[in-house]
C-alpha atoms as a PDB file:
ATOM      1  CA  MET A   1      99.614 110.516-141.591  1.00  0.00           C
ATOM      2  CA  ALA A   2      98.160 108.382-144.378  1.00  0.00           C
ATOM      3  CA  SER A   3      95.779 105.531-143.641  1.00  0.00           C
ATOM      4  CA  ILE A   4      93.597 103.087-145.569  1.00  0.00           C
ATOM      5  CA  ASP A   5      90.846 100.683-144.599  1.00  0.00           C
ATOM      6  CA  SER A   6      92.005  97.103-145.094  1.00  0.00           C
ATOM      7  CA  LYS A   7      89.050  96.353-147.402  1.00  0.00           C
ATOM      8  CA  ASP A   8      90.321  99.081-149.767  1.00  0.00           C
ATOM      9  CA  ILE A   9      93.757  97.509-150.217  1.00  0.00           C
ATOM     10  CA  HIS A  10      94.086  96.008-153.692  1.00  0.00           C
ATOM     11  CA  LYS A  11      97.779  96.460-154.431  1.00  0.00           C
ATOM     12  CA  ILE A  12     100.782  96.194-152.123  1.00  0.00           C
ATOM     13  CA  ILE A  13     104.234  97.141-153.347  1.00  0.00           C
ATOM     14  CA  VAL A  14     107.374  95.807-151.697  1.00  0.00           C
ATOM     15  CA  ALA A  15     110.011  98.376-152.593  1.00  0.00           C
ATOM     16  CA  CYS A  16     113.749  97.892-152.286  1.00  0.00           C
ATOM     17  CA  ASP A  17     116.920  99.448-153.583  1.00  0.00           C
ATOM     18  CA  ALA A  18     117.131  97.532-156.858  1.00  0.00           C
ATOM     19  CA  GLY A  19     113.817  95.655-156.987  1.00  0.00           C
ATOM     20  CA  MET A  20     115.453  92.237-156.616  1.00  0.00           C
ATOM     21  CA  GLY A  21     116.601  89.801-153.966  1.00  0.00           C
ATOM     22  CA  SER A  22     115.095  90.427-150.563  1.00  0.00           C
ATOM     23  CA  SER A  23     112.050  92.278-151.896  1.00  0.00           C
ATOM     24  CA  VAL A  24     111.214  89.299-154.123  1.00  0.00           C
ATOM     25  CA  MET A  25     111.372  87.023-151.075  1.00  0.00           C
ATOM     26  CA  LEU A  26     109.140  89.292-148.978  1.00  0.00           C
ATOM     27  CA  ALA A  27     106.648  89.779-151.825  1.00  0.00           C
ATOM     28  CA  SER A  28     106.411  85.995-152.247  1.00  0.00           C
ATOM     29  CA  GLN A  29     105.860  85.547-148.515  1.00  0.00           C
ATOM     30  CA  LEU A  30     103.072  88.169-148.546  1.00  0.00           C
ATOM     31  CA  ARG A  31     101.385  86.532-151.553  1.00  0.00           C
ATOM     32  CA  LYS A  32     101.251  83.240-149.645  1.00  0.00           C
ATOM     33  CA  GLN A  33      99.938  84.892-146.474  1.00  0.00           C
ATOM     34  CA  LEU A  34      97.248  86.801-148.387  1.00  0.00           C
ATOM     35  CA  LYS A  35      96.285  83.984-150.764  1.00  0.00           C
ATOM     36  CA  GLY A  36      92.595  83.954-151.590  1.00  0.00           C
ATOM     37  CA  ARG A  37      92.239  87.704-151.165  1.00  0.00           C
ATOM     38  CA  GLN A  38      91.906  90.081-154.080  1.00  0.00           C
ATOM     39  CA  ILE A  39      95.234  91.767-153.323  1.00  0.00           C
ATOM     40  CA  GLN A  40      98.043  92.029-155.827  1.00  0.00           C
ATOM     41  CA  VAL A  41     101.564  91.972-154.313  1.00  0.00           C
ATOM     42  CA  GLU A  42     104.486  93.171-156.434  1.00  0.00           C
ATOM     43  CA  HIS A  43     108.085  94.156-155.864  1.00  0.00           C
ATOM     44  CA  THR A  44     109.712  97.183-157.459  1.00  0.00           C
ATOM     45  CA  PRO A  45     112.669  99.530-157.051  1.00  0.00           C
ATOM     46  CA  VAL A  46     111.957 102.286-154.540  1.00  0.00           C
ATOM     47  CA  ASN A  47     112.282 104.949-157.245  1.00  0.00           C
ATOM     48  CA  SER A  48     109.628 103.237-159.415  1.00  0.00           C
ATOM     49  CA  ILE A  49     106.647 102.800-157.088  1.00  0.00           C
ATOM     50  CA  PRO A  50     103.541 102.667-159.301  1.00  0.00           C
ATOM     51  CA  ALA A  51     100.760 105.212-158.857  1.00  0.00           C
ATOM     52  CA  ASP A  52      98.133 102.509-158.321  1.00  0.00           C
ATOM     53  CA  ALA A  53      99.804 101.150-155.163  1.00  0.00           C
ATOM     54  CA  ASP A  54      97.638 101.250-152.046  1.00  0.00           C
ATOM     55  CA  VAL A  55     100.341 100.283-149.530  1.00  0.00           C
ATOM     56  CA  VAL A  56     104.120 100.466-149.887  1.00  0.00           C
ATOM     57  CA  ILE A  57     106.356  98.287-147.731  1.00  0.00           C
ATOM     58  CA  CYS A  58     110.086  98.976-147.577  1.00  0.00           C
ATOM     59  CA  HIS A  59     113.104  98.649-145.330  1.00  0.00           C
ATOM     60  CA  ALA A  60     113.456 101.519-142.846  1.00  0.00           C
ATOM     61  CA  GLY A  61     116.653 102.628-144.600  1.00  0.00           C
ATOM     62  CA  LEU A  62     114.659 103.327-147.784  1.00  0.00           C
ATOM     63  CA  ALA A  63     111.590 104.911-146.181  1.00  0.00           C
ATOM     64  CA  ALA A  64     112.606 108.515-146.916  1.00  0.00           C
ATOM     65  CA  ARG A  65     113.148 107.724-150.605  1.00  0.00           C
ATOM     66  CA  ALA A  66     109.842 105.833-150.792  1.00  0.00           C
ATOM     67  CA  LYS A  67     108.019 108.802-149.243  1.00  0.00           C
ATOM     68  CA  VAL A  68     109.440 111.087-151.956  1.00  0.00           C
ATOM     69  CA  THR A  69     108.415 108.671-154.725  1.00  0.00           C
ATOM     70  CA  ALA A  70     104.944 107.956-153.313  1.00  0.00           C
ATOM     71  CA  PRO A  71     104.082 110.748-150.849  1.00  0.00           C
ATOM     72  CA  ASP A  72     100.342 110.009-150.710  1.00  0.00           C
ATOM     73  CA  LYS A  73     100.634 106.244-150.119  1.00  0.00           C
ATOM     74  CA  VAL A  74     100.482 104.355-146.829  1.00  0.00           C
ATOM     75  CA  LEU A  75     104.107 103.479-146.102  1.00  0.00           C
ATOM     76  CA  ILE A  76     105.020 100.583-143.826  1.00  0.00           C
ATOM     77  CA  SER A  77     108.710 100.412-142.951  1.00  0.00           C
ATOM     78  CA  PHE A  78     110.382  97.370-141.442  1.00  0.00           C
ATOM     79  CA  GLN A  79     113.740  96.270-140.066  1.00  0.00           C
ATOM     80  CA  LEU A  80     113.632  92.486-140.707  1.00  0.00           C
ATOM     81  CA  PHE A  81     112.823  90.922-144.060  1.00  0.00           C
ATOM     82  CA  ILE A  82     111.331  87.843-142.388  1.00  0.00           C
ATOM     83  CA  GLY A  83     109.104  88.028-139.318  1.00  0.00           C
ATOM     84  CA  ASP A  84     109.090  91.794-138.833  1.00  0.00           C
ATOM     85  CA  PRO A  85     106.296  92.945-136.479  1.00  0.00           C
ATOM     86  CA  ALA A  86     105.234  95.770-138.843  1.00  0.00           C
ATOM     87  CA  VAL A  87     104.641  93.325-141.706  1.00  0.00           C
ATOM     88  CA  THR A  88     102.885  90.849-139.392  1.00  0.00           C
ATOM     89  CA  LYS A  89     100.625  93.653-138.167  1.00  0.00           C
ATOM     90  CA  LEU A  90      99.755  94.609-141.770  1.00  0.00           C
ATOM     91  CA  VAL A  91      98.849  91.008-142.672  1.00  0.00           C
ATOM     92  CA  ASN A  92      96.775  90.575-139.511  1.00  0.00           C
ATOM     93  CA  THR A  93      94.921  93.848-140.138  1.00  0.00           C
ATOM     94  CA  ILE A  94      94.109  92.806-143.696  1.00  0.00           C
ATOM     95  CA  LYS A  95      92.885  89.385-142.547  1.00  0.00           C
ATOM     96  CA  ASN A  96      90.880  90.663-139.543  1.00  0.00           C
ATOM     97  CA  GLY A  97      89.748  94.043-140.855  1.00  0.00           C
ATOM     98  CA  GLY A  98      90.677  97.494-139.646  1.00  0.00           C
ATOM     99  CA  THR A  99      92.666 100.512-140.641  1.00  0.00           C
ATOM    100  CA  VAL A 100      96.277 100.424-141.808  1.00  0.00           C
ATOM    101  CA  ASP A 101      98.190 103.526-140.750  1.00  0.00           C
ATOM    102  CA  ALA A 102     101.496 104.738-142.119  1.00  0.00           C
END
């Protein structure tokens, strides 16, 4: 299982099926929540996850595809685009310090 210390997170990718719509909304929400931190948040199609990503966030239905595209990255899967506990946990860990586990 992959993990990363929150202080080592510099780039978060929100991956979705086409790289539009709901991933744009979630990426925008994360940018606001992490404002003031040196963390870049981008959205991208699940088949185009960049190599410099530290954490990949995607809907549970796309997790298997994301794992193939970025097998060595910490992968956070969620069910709800707004208010999902997995995303809330990630944000809280980044803000308070700790380890993020896939």
